[in-house]
Amino acid sequence: MIIREVKTTYRKVGEMTGNLSDSIIDDPEKAWKAVKSFMEQKVEKGELNPEREHFMVLFLNIKNRLKGIEIISSGTQDATLISPTCVFQSVVREGIQTIVVAHNHPSGDPAPSEADIRVTRQLREAANILCVKLLDHVVCGEQSSDPNFKGYYSFRDSGLL
């Protein structure tokens, strides 16, 4: 018989200031702007290294109002490890029914990698099982590095979600 000790630590949903709190996130550009603003706040406070990939969950209410952002994983310059368990742990604990997931590409180019596509499929399946609405997965970059000059890539807009 295997007995495992489980310790749950409550992590407060990302504190937001300024125009982020209660923003309506109903398209990928708004999600990109919210993530960009959130990351800038964290960089200014010395809490985040912009040269690393960071995977985040945007918590939304049923009217798509932003209730919080949580950094799920921080990685290297070109990768971060995540799993559906890590992503949905806080979602379930907080009773959130609608989310957007996002991560940055420090290179500035928001084009998704094969790993990004794979993990998006896994997250879509997990969200369906948990009855959580996954609105989008947005890869955040810079407009100057994006061949489409948007600065982000939306899996929803691209038909992959």
N, C-alpha and C. Protein backbone atom coordinates (compact mmCIF):
# COMPACT_ATOMS: atom_id res chain seq x y z
N MET A 1 0.85 -1.18 0.00
CA MET A 1 0.00 0.00 0.00
C MET A 1 0.89 1.24 0.00
N ILE A 2 0.55 2.20 -0.86
CA ILE A 2 1.31 3.44 -0.94
C ILE A 2 0.48 4.55 -0.28
N ILE A 3 1.10 5.21 0.64
CA ILE A 3 0.46 6.35 1.30
C ILE A 3 1.26 7.58 0.92
N ARG A 4 0.54 8.55 0.43
CA ARG A 4 1.21 9.79 0.04
C ARG A 4 0.69 10.94 0.89
N GLU A 5 1.60 11.80 1.24
CA GLU A 5 1.20 12.99 1.98
C GLU A 5 0.95 14.10 0.96
N VAL A 6 -0.17 14.74 1.08
CA VAL A 6 -0.51 15.82 0.17
C VAL A 6 -0.59 17.10 0.97
N LYS A 7 0.11 18.09 0.50
CA LYS A 7 0.08 19.39 1.15
C LYS A 7 -0.40 20.40 0.13
N THR A 8 -1.48 21.07 0.44
CA THR A 8 -2.02 22.08 -0.45
C THR A 8 -1.65 23.44 0.12
N THR A 9 -1.01 24.23 -0.69
CA THR A 9 -0.65 25.57 -0.27
C THR A 9 -1.46 26.56 -1.08
N TYR A 10 -2.18 27.40 -0.42
CA TYR A 10 -2.99 28.41 -1.09
C TYR A 10 -2.08 29.50 -1.63
N ARG A 11 -2.19 29.74 -2.92
CA ARG A 11 -1.47 30.84 -3.53
C ARG A 11 -2.48 31.87 -3.99
N LYS A 12 -2.33 33.08 -3.53
CA LYS A 12 -3.25 34.13 -3.91
C LYS A 12 -3.16 34.36 -5.41
N VAL A 13 -4.31 34.52 -6.03
CA VAL A 13 -4.33 34.81 -7.45
C VAL A 13 -3.58 36.11 -7.66
N GLY A 14 -2.81 36.16 -8.77
CA GLY A 14 -1.93 37.30 -9.04
C GLY A 14 -2.52 38.65 -8.71
N GLU A 15 -1.83 39.41 -7.93
CA GLU A 15 -2.30 40.75 -7.59
C GLU A 15 -2.13 41.65 -8.79
N MET A 16 -3.17 42.42 -9.05
CA MET A 16 -3.14 43.28 -10.22
C MET A 16 -3.39 44.71 -9.79
N THR A 17 -2.78 45.60 -10.51
CA THR A 17 -2.98 47.01 -10.23
C THR A 17 -3.37 47.72 -11.51
N GLY A 18 -3.79 48.96 -11.37
CA GLY A 18 -4.09 49.77 -12.55
C GLY A 18 -5.28 49.25 -13.33
N ASN A 19 -5.13 49.29 -14.65
CA ASN A 19 -6.26 48.98 -15.51
C ASN A 19 -6.46 47.48 -15.75
N LEU A 20 -5.70 46.62 -15.09
CA LEU A 20 -5.85 45.19 -15.30
C LEU A 20 -7.07 44.61 -14.60
N SER A 21 -7.27 45.01 -13.37
CA SER A 21 -8.33 44.41 -12.57
C SER A 21 -9.69 44.66 -13.22
N ASP A 22 -10.45 43.59 -13.37
CA ASP A 22 -11.81 43.62 -13.92
C ASP A 22 -11.87 43.96 -15.41
N SER A 23 -10.75 43.89 -16.13
CA SER A 23 -10.78 44.07 -17.58
C SER A 23 -11.58 42.93 -18.19
N ILE A 24 -12.30 43.22 -19.27
CA ILE A 24 -13.02 42.17 -19.99
C ILE A 24 -12.06 41.61 -21.04
N ILE A 25 -11.85 40.30 -20.96
CA ILE A 25 -10.94 39.61 -21.88
C ILE A 25 -11.80 38.80 -22.84
N ASP A 26 -12.14 39.42 -23.97
CA ASP A 26 -13.00 38.73 -24.93
C ASP A 26 -12.35 38.57 -26.31
N ASP A 27 -11.07 38.89 -26.40
CA ASP A 27 -10.33 38.62 -27.62
C ASP A 27 -8.84 38.47 -27.29
N PRO A 28 -8.07 37.85 -28.18
CA PRO A 28 -6.66 37.57 -27.86
C PRO A 28 -5.80 38.83 -27.68
N GLU A 29 -6.14 39.91 -28.34
CA GLU A 29 -5.35 41.13 -28.18
C GLU A 29 -5.48 41.66 -26.75
N LYS A 30 -6.68 41.58 -26.19
CA LYS A 30 -6.88 42.02 -24.80
C LYS A 30 -6.13 41.11 -23.83
N ALA A 31 -6.12 39.82 -24.12
CA ALA A 31 -5.36 38.89 -23.27
C ALA A 31 -3.87 39.21 -23.36
N TRP A 32 -3.38 39.44 -24.57
CA TRP A 32 -1.97 39.78 -24.78
C TRP A 32 -1.61 41.05 -24.01
N LYS A 33 -2.45 42.07 -24.11
CA LYS A 33 -2.18 43.33 -23.40
C LYS A 33 -2.19 43.13 -21.88
N ALA A 34 -3.11 42.30 -21.39
CA ALA A 34 -3.17 42.04 -19.94
C ALA A 34 -1.91 41.31 -19.48
N VAL A 35 -1.49 40.30 -20.24
CA VAL A 35 -0.28 39.55 -19.88
C VAL A 35 0.93 40.46 -19.94
N LYS A 36 1.03 41.26 -20.98
CA LYS A 36 2.16 42.17 -21.14
C LYS A 36 2.24 43.16 -19.97
N SER A 37 1.10 43.73 -19.59
CA SER A 37 1.06 44.66 -18.47
C SER A 37 1.41 43.97 -17.15
N PHE A 38 0.86 42.77 -16.94
CA PHE A 38 1.15 41.99 -15.74
C PHE A 38 2.64 41.69 -15.64
N MET A 39 3.23 41.25 -16.75
CA MET A 39 4.66 40.93 -16.74
C MET A 39 5.51 42.17 -16.51
N GLU A 40 5.14 43.30 -17.10
CA GLU A 40 5.88 44.54 -16.88
C GLU A 40 5.86 44.93 -15.41
N GLN A 41 4.71 44.77 -14.75
CA GLN A 41 4.61 45.07 -13.31
C GLN A 41 5.54 44.17 -12.51
N LYS A 42 5.55 42.88 -12.85
CA LYS A 42 6.41 41.92 -12.14
C LYS A 42 7.89 42.20 -12.39
N VAL A 43 8.24 42.58 -13.61
CA VAL A 43 9.64 42.91 -13.94
C VAL A 43 10.08 44.13 -13.16
N GLU A 44 9.23 45.15 -13.10
CA GLU A 44 9.55 46.37 -12.35
C GLU A 44 9.82 46.09 -10.88
N LYS A 45 9.08 45.14 -10.32
CA LYS A 45 9.25 44.77 -8.92
C LYS A 45 10.40 43.80 -8.71
N GLY A 46 11.03 43.35 -9.80
CA GLY A 46 12.12 42.39 -9.70
C GLY A 46 11.65 40.98 -9.42
N GLU A 47 10.38 40.69 -9.68
CA GLU A 47 9.80 39.39 -9.40
C GLU A 47 9.77 38.46 -10.60
N LEU A 48 10.23 38.94 -11.76
CA LEU A 48 10.12 38.14 -12.97
C LEU A 48 11.26 38.49 -13.91
N ASN A 49 11.86 37.48 -14.50
CA ASN A 49 12.93 37.67 -15.47
C ASN A 49 12.32 37.60 -16.87
N PRO A 50 12.33 38.71 -17.62
CA PRO A 50 11.69 38.72 -18.94
C PRO A 50 12.43 37.88 -19.98
N GLU A 51 13.63 37.43 -19.66
CA GLU A 51 14.41 36.61 -20.58
C GLU A 51 14.10 35.12 -20.43
N ARG A 52 13.10 34.80 -19.64
CA ARG A 52 12.67 33.41 -19.42
C ARG A 52 11.22 33.26 -19.88
N GLU A 53 10.87 32.04 -20.26
CA GLU A 53 9.47 31.77 -20.58
C GLU A 53 8.69 31.60 -19.29
N HIS A 54 7.48 32.15 -19.29
CA HIS A 54 6.58 32.05 -18.14
C HIS A 54 5.20 31.65 -18.66
N PHE A 55 4.62 30.63 -18.04
CA PHE A 55 3.30 30.15 -18.43
C PHE A 55 2.30 30.63 -17.39
N MET A 56 1.23 31.26 -17.85
CA MET A 56 0.26 31.89 -16.96
C MET A 56 -1.16 31.44 -17.25
N VAL A 57 -1.99 31.55 -16.24
CA VAL A 57 -3.42 31.34 -16.40
C VAL A 57 -4.12 32.64 -16.03
N LEU A 58 -5.01 33.09 -16.91
CA LEU A 58 -5.84 34.24 -16.63
C LEU A 58 -7.18 33.71 -16.15
N PHE A 59 -7.57 34.06 -14.93
CA PHE A 59 -8.82 33.62 -14.33
C PHE A 59 -9.91 34.63 -14.68
N LEU A 60 -10.99 34.15 -15.28
CA LEU A 60 -12.08 35.03 -15.69
C LEU A 60 -13.37 34.60 -15.01
N ASN A 61 -14.26 35.56 -14.79
CA ASN A 61 -15.58 35.18 -14.30
C ASN A 61 -16.46 34.84 -15.51
N ILE A 62 -17.74 34.54 -15.28
CA ILE A 62 -18.57 34.09 -16.39
C ILE A 62 -18.86 35.21 -17.40
N LYS A 63 -18.58 36.43 -17.04
CA LYS A 63 -18.73 37.57 -17.96
C LYS A 63 -17.39 37.94 -18.60
N ASN A 64 -16.39 37.07 -18.44
CA ASN A 64 -15.04 37.26 -18.99
C ASN A 64 -14.28 38.43 -18.38
N ARG A 65 -14.64 38.80 -17.17
CA ARG A 65 -13.89 39.84 -16.45
C ARG A 65 -12.68 39.19 -15.79
N LEU A 66 -11.55 39.82 -15.94
CA LEU A 66 -10.30 39.30 -15.39
C LEU A 66 -10.33 39.39 -13.87
N LYS A 67 -10.17 38.24 -13.23
CA LYS A 67 -10.16 38.17 -11.78
C LYS A 67 -8.78 37.93 -11.21
N GLY A 68 -7.87 37.47 -12.03
CA GLY A 68 -6.52 37.24 -11.54
C GLY A 68 -5.66 36.58 -12.60
N ILE A 69 -4.37 36.65 -12.38
CA ILE A 69 -3.39 35.99 -13.24
C ILE A 69 -2.43 35.25 -12.32
N GLU A 70 -2.18 34.02 -12.65
CA GLU A 70 -1.23 33.24 -11.86
C GLU A 70 -0.15 32.69 -12.78
N ILE A 71 1.10 32.87 -12.37
CA ILE A 71 2.21 32.26 -13.10
C ILE A 71 2.30 30.81 -12.63
N ILE A 72 2.12 29.90 -13.57
CA ILE A 72 2.13 28.47 -13.26
C ILE A 72 3.53 27.90 -13.30
N SER A 73 4.32 28.40 -14.27
CA SER A 73 5.65 27.85 -14.47
C SER A 73 6.57 28.89 -15.07
N SER A 74 7.81 28.88 -14.64
CA SER A 74 8.86 29.71 -15.23
C SER A 74 9.97 28.77 -15.68
N GLY A 75 10.48 29.01 -16.87
CA GLY A 75 11.45 28.07 -17.43
C GLY A 75 12.73 28.72 -17.88
N THR A 76 13.19 28.29 -19.05
CA THR A 76 14.44 28.78 -19.62
C THR A 76 14.13 29.82 -20.69
N GLN A 77 15.12 30.14 -21.49
CA GLN A 77 14.91 31.13 -22.55
C GLN A 77 14.00 30.62 -23.65
N ASP A 78 13.89 29.31 -23.80
CA ASP A 78 13.08 28.81 -24.91
C ASP A 78 12.11 27.69 -24.52
N ALA A 79 11.88 27.50 -23.25
CA ALA A 79 10.94 26.45 -22.84
C ALA A 79 10.53 26.63 -21.39
N THR A 80 9.33 26.13 -21.09
CA THR A 80 8.88 26.01 -19.72
C THR A 80 8.03 24.76 -19.64
N LEU A 81 8.15 24.03 -18.56
CA LEU A 81 7.42 22.78 -18.41
C LEU A 81 6.10 23.02 -17.69
N ILE A 82 5.04 22.50 -18.27
CA ILE A 82 3.74 22.57 -17.61
C ILE A 82 3.01 21.26 -17.86
N SER A 83 2.01 21.04 -17.05
CA SER A 83 1.14 19.89 -17.23
C SER A 83 -0.29 20.35 -16.94
N PRO A 84 -1.28 19.64 -17.46
CA PRO A 84 -2.65 20.00 -17.13
C PRO A 84 -2.91 20.04 -15.62
N THR A 85 -2.26 19.15 -14.88
CA THR A 85 -2.44 19.15 -13.42
C THR A 85 -2.02 20.48 -12.82
N CYS A 86 -0.87 20.98 -13.22
CA CYS A 86 -0.38 22.27 -12.70
C CYS A 86 -1.32 23.41 -13.07
N VAL A 87 -1.79 23.39 -14.31
CA VAL A 87 -2.65 24.47 -14.79
C VAL A 87 -3.99 24.47 -14.07
N PHE A 88 -4.61 23.31 -13.95
CA PHE A 88 -5.98 23.26 -13.45
C PHE A 88 -6.09 23.14 -11.94
N GLN A 89 -4.98 22.96 -11.24
CA GLN A 89 -5.02 22.86 -9.78
C GLN A 89 -5.63 24.12 -9.17
N SER A 90 -5.11 25.28 -9.54
CA SER A 90 -5.64 26.54 -9.00
C SER A 90 -7.01 26.85 -9.54
N VAL A 91 -7.25 26.50 -10.79
CA VAL A 91 -8.55 26.75 -11.42
C VAL A 91 -9.65 26.04 -10.63
N VAL A 92 -9.43 24.78 -10.32
CA VAL A 92 -10.42 24.00 -9.57
C VAL A 92 -10.53 24.52 -8.14
N ARG A 93 -9.39 24.77 -7.51
CA ARG A 93 -9.41 25.25 -6.11
C ARG A 93 -10.15 26.58 -5.98
N GLU A 94 -9.98 27.46 -6.97
CA GLU A 94 -10.61 28.78 -6.92
C GLU A 94 -12.05 28.77 -7.44
N GLY A 95 -12.48 27.63 -8.00
CA GLY A 95 -13.84 27.54 -8.53
C GLY A 95 -14.03 28.35 -9.81
N ILE A 96 -12.98 28.50 -10.57
CA ILE A 96 -13.02 29.28 -11.81
C ILE A 96 -13.60 28.41 -12.92
N GLN A 97 -14.46 28.99 -13.75
CA GLN A 97 -15.08 28.24 -14.84
C GLN A 97 -14.59 28.65 -16.22
N THR A 98 -13.91 29.78 -16.33
CA THR A 98 -13.44 30.28 -17.62
C THR A 98 -12.01 30.77 -17.48
N ILE A 99 -11.14 30.31 -18.39
CA ILE A 99 -9.73 30.73 -18.35
C ILE A 99 -9.20 31.01 -19.75
N VAL A 100 -8.11 31.74 -19.75
CA VAL A 100 -7.24 31.89 -20.92
C VAL A 100 -5.87 31.50 -20.41
N VAL A 101 -5.14 30.70 -21.16
CA VAL A 101 -3.75 30.40 -20.80
C VAL A 101 -2.87 31.20 -21.74
N ALA A 102 -1.70 31.55 -21.27
CA ALA A 102 -0.78 32.34 -22.08
C ALA A 102 0.64 32.07 -21.64
N HIS A 103 1.55 32.25 -22.56
CA HIS A 103 2.97 32.24 -22.20
C HIS A 103 3.72 33.16 -23.15
N ASN A 104 4.85 33.60 -22.69
CA ASN A 104 5.66 34.52 -23.48
C ASN A 104 6.75 33.77 -24.21
N HIS A 105 7.18 34.33 -25.31
CA HIS A 105 8.38 33.88 -26.02
C HIS A 105 9.40 35.01 -25.91
N PRO A 106 10.43 34.83 -25.10
CA PRO A 106 11.42 35.90 -24.92
C PRO A 106 12.08 36.36 -26.22
N SER A 107 12.10 35.50 -27.23
CA SER A 107 12.67 35.88 -28.53
C SER A 107 11.85 36.98 -29.19
N GLY A 108 10.60 37.12 -28.78
CA GLY A 108 9.71 38.11 -29.38
C GLY A 108 8.83 37.54 -30.46
N ASP A 109 9.23 36.42 -31.07
CA ASP A 109 8.44 35.79 -32.13
C ASP A 109 7.36 34.92 -31.50
N PRO A 110 6.08 35.25 -31.69
CA PRO A 110 5.03 34.49 -31.03
C PRO A 110 4.62 33.20 -31.73
N ALA A 111 5.28 32.83 -32.80
CA ALA A 111 4.92 31.60 -33.51
C ALA A 111 5.01 30.41 -32.55
N PRO A 112 3.98 29.55 -32.52
CA PRO A 112 3.98 28.43 -31.58
C PRO A 112 4.93 27.32 -32.03
N SER A 113 5.51 26.65 -31.05
CA SER A 113 6.35 25.48 -31.32
C SER A 113 5.46 24.25 -31.36
N GLU A 114 6.04 23.13 -31.77
CA GLU A 114 5.30 21.87 -31.74
C GLU A 114 4.88 21.53 -30.31
N ALA A 115 5.75 21.83 -29.35
CA ALA A 115 5.42 21.58 -27.93
C ALA A 115 4.23 22.45 -27.51
N ASP A 116 4.17 23.69 -27.98
CA ASP A 116 3.04 24.57 -27.66
C ASP A 116 1.74 23.98 -28.19
N ILE A 117 1.78 23.45 -29.40
CA ILE A 117 0.59 22.85 -30.02
C ILE A 117 0.16 21.61 -29.24
N ARG A 118 1.13 20.79 -28.88
CA ARG A 118 0.85 19.56 -28.13
C ARG A 118 0.21 19.87 -26.77
N VAL A 119 0.79 20.82 -26.05
CA VAL A 119 0.26 21.13 -24.71
C VAL A 119 -1.11 21.78 -24.81
N THR A 120 -1.36 22.53 -25.86
CA THR A 120 -2.69 23.15 -26.02
C THR A 120 -3.75 22.07 -26.20
N ARG A 121 -3.43 21.04 -26.96
CA ARG A 121 -4.38 19.92 -27.13
C ARG A 121 -4.65 19.23 -25.79
N GLN A 122 -3.60 19.02 -25.01
CA GLN A 122 -3.76 18.39 -23.70
C GLN A 122 -4.63 19.25 -22.78
N LEU A 123 -4.39 20.56 -22.81
CA LEU A 123 -5.16 21.47 -21.96
C LEU A 123 -6.62 21.52 -22.41
N ARG A 124 -6.86 21.49 -23.71
CA ARG A 124 -8.23 21.48 -24.22
C ARG A 124 -8.97 20.24 -23.72
N GLU A 125 -8.32 19.08 -23.79
CA GLU A 125 -8.94 17.84 -23.32
C GLU A 125 -9.22 17.89 -21.82
N ALA A 126 -8.26 18.37 -21.05
CA ALA A 126 -8.44 18.46 -19.60
C ALA A 126 -9.56 19.44 -19.25
N ALA A 127 -9.61 20.56 -19.94
CA ALA A 127 -10.66 21.55 -19.69
C ALA A 127 -12.04 20.96 -19.97
N ASN A 128 -12.15 20.20 -21.05
CA ASN A 128 -13.43 19.56 -21.37
C ASN A 128 -13.86 18.59 -20.27
N ILE A 129 -12.91 17.80 -19.77
CA ILE A 129 -13.22 16.84 -18.71
C ILE A 129 -13.68 17.57 -17.44
N LEU A 130 -13.04 18.69 -17.13
CA LEU A 130 -13.34 19.43 -15.90
C LEU A 130 -14.48 20.45 -16.07
N CYS A 131 -15.04 20.53 -17.27
CA CYS A 131 -16.11 21.50 -17.55
C CYS A 131 -15.65 22.94 -17.33
N VAL A 132 -14.41 23.20 -17.71
CA VAL A 132 -13.84 24.55 -17.65
C VAL A 132 -13.76 25.06 -19.07
N LYS A 133 -14.19 26.29 -19.28
CA LYS A 133 -14.13 26.87 -20.62
C LYS A 133 -12.73 27.46 -20.85
N LEU A 134 -12.00 26.85 -21.76
CA LEU A 134 -10.67 27.36 -22.15
C LEU A 134 -10.88 28.24 -23.37
N LEU A 135 -10.89 29.55 -23.16
CA LEU A 135 -11.19 30.48 -24.25
C LEU A 135 -10.09 30.55 -25.29
N ASP A 136 -8.83 30.50 -24.83
CA ASP A 136 -7.73 30.66 -25.78
C ASP A 136 -6.41 30.30 -25.11
N HIS A 137 -5.44 30.05 -25.94
CA HIS A 137 -4.03 29.96 -25.53
C HIS A 137 -3.34 31.01 -26.37
N VAL A 138 -2.79 32.01 -25.72
CA VAL A 138 -2.15 33.12 -26.41
C VAL A 138 -0.65 33.07 -26.16
N VAL A 139 0.11 33.05 -27.24
CA VAL A 139 1.57 33.11 -27.15
C VAL A 139 1.95 34.57 -27.34
N CYS A 140 2.61 35.12 -26.35
CA CYS A 140 2.92 36.55 -26.33
C CYS A 140 4.34 36.82 -26.79
N GLY A 141 4.47 37.74 -27.70
CA GLY A 141 5.77 38.16 -28.20
C GLY A 141 5.80 39.67 -28.35
N GLU A 142 6.53 40.13 -29.32
CA GLU A 142 6.63 41.56 -29.61
C GLU A 142 6.16 41.82 -31.03
N GLN A 143 5.47 42.94 -31.23
CA GLN A 143 4.98 43.27 -32.56
C GLN A 143 6.13 43.37 -33.57
N SER A 144 7.25 43.90 -33.13
CA SER A 144 8.39 44.09 -34.05
C SER A 144 9.01 42.77 -34.50
N SER A 145 8.80 41.69 -33.74
CA SER A 145 9.36 40.38 -34.07
C SER A 145 8.34 39.45 -34.72
N ASP A 146 7.11 39.91 -34.83
CA ASP A 146 6.03 39.08 -35.35
C ASP A 146 5.85 39.34 -36.85
N PRO A 147 5.95 38.31 -37.69
CA PRO A 147 5.73 38.51 -39.13
C PRO A 147 4.35 39.09 -39.45
N ASN A 148 3.37 38.86 -38.55
CA ASN A 148 2.02 39.41 -38.74
C ASN A 148 1.82 40.75 -38.04
N PHE A 149 2.85 41.24 -37.34
CA PHE A 149 2.85 42.53 -36.63
C PHE A 149 1.76 42.66 -35.57
N LYS A 150 1.29 41.52 -35.06
CA LYS A 150 0.32 41.55 -33.97
C LYS A 150 1.02 41.57 -32.61
N GLY A 151 2.06 40.74 -32.47
CA GLY A 151 2.74 40.61 -31.19
C GLY A 151 2.26 39.41 -30.40
N TYR A 152 1.30 38.69 -30.94
CA TYR A 152 0.78 37.52 -30.25
C TYR A 152 0.28 36.50 -31.28
N TYR A 153 0.12 35.26 -30.80
CA TYR A 153 -0.48 34.20 -31.61
C TYR A 153 -1.64 33.63 -30.81
N SER A 154 -2.79 33.52 -31.43
CA SER A 154 -3.98 32.99 -30.78
C SER A 154 -4.32 31.62 -31.36
N PHE A 155 -4.34 30.60 -30.48
CA PHE A 155 -4.75 29.28 -30.91
C PHE A 155 -6.22 29.27 -31.32
N ARG A 156 -7.02 30.07 -30.67
CA ARG A 156 -8.45 30.16 -31.02
C ARG A 156 -8.62 30.75 -32.41
N ASP A 157 -7.97 31.88 -32.67
CA ASP A 157 -8.08 32.51 -33.99
C ASP A 157 -7.54 31.64 -35.11
N SER A 158 -6.57 30.81 -34.77
CA SER A 158 -5.94 29.95 -35.77
C SER A 158 -6.69 28.63 -35.98
N GLY A 159 -7.76 28.44 -35.22
CA GLY A 159 -8.58 27.24 -35.38
C GLY A 159 -8.02 26.00 -34.71
N LEU A 160 -7.01 26.18 -33.87
CA LEU A 160 -6.40 25.03 -33.19
C LEU A 160 -6.96 24.81 -31.79
N LEU A 161 -7.94 25.59 -31.41
CA LEU A 161 -8.57 25.44 -30.10
C LEU A 161 -10.08 25.60 -30.24
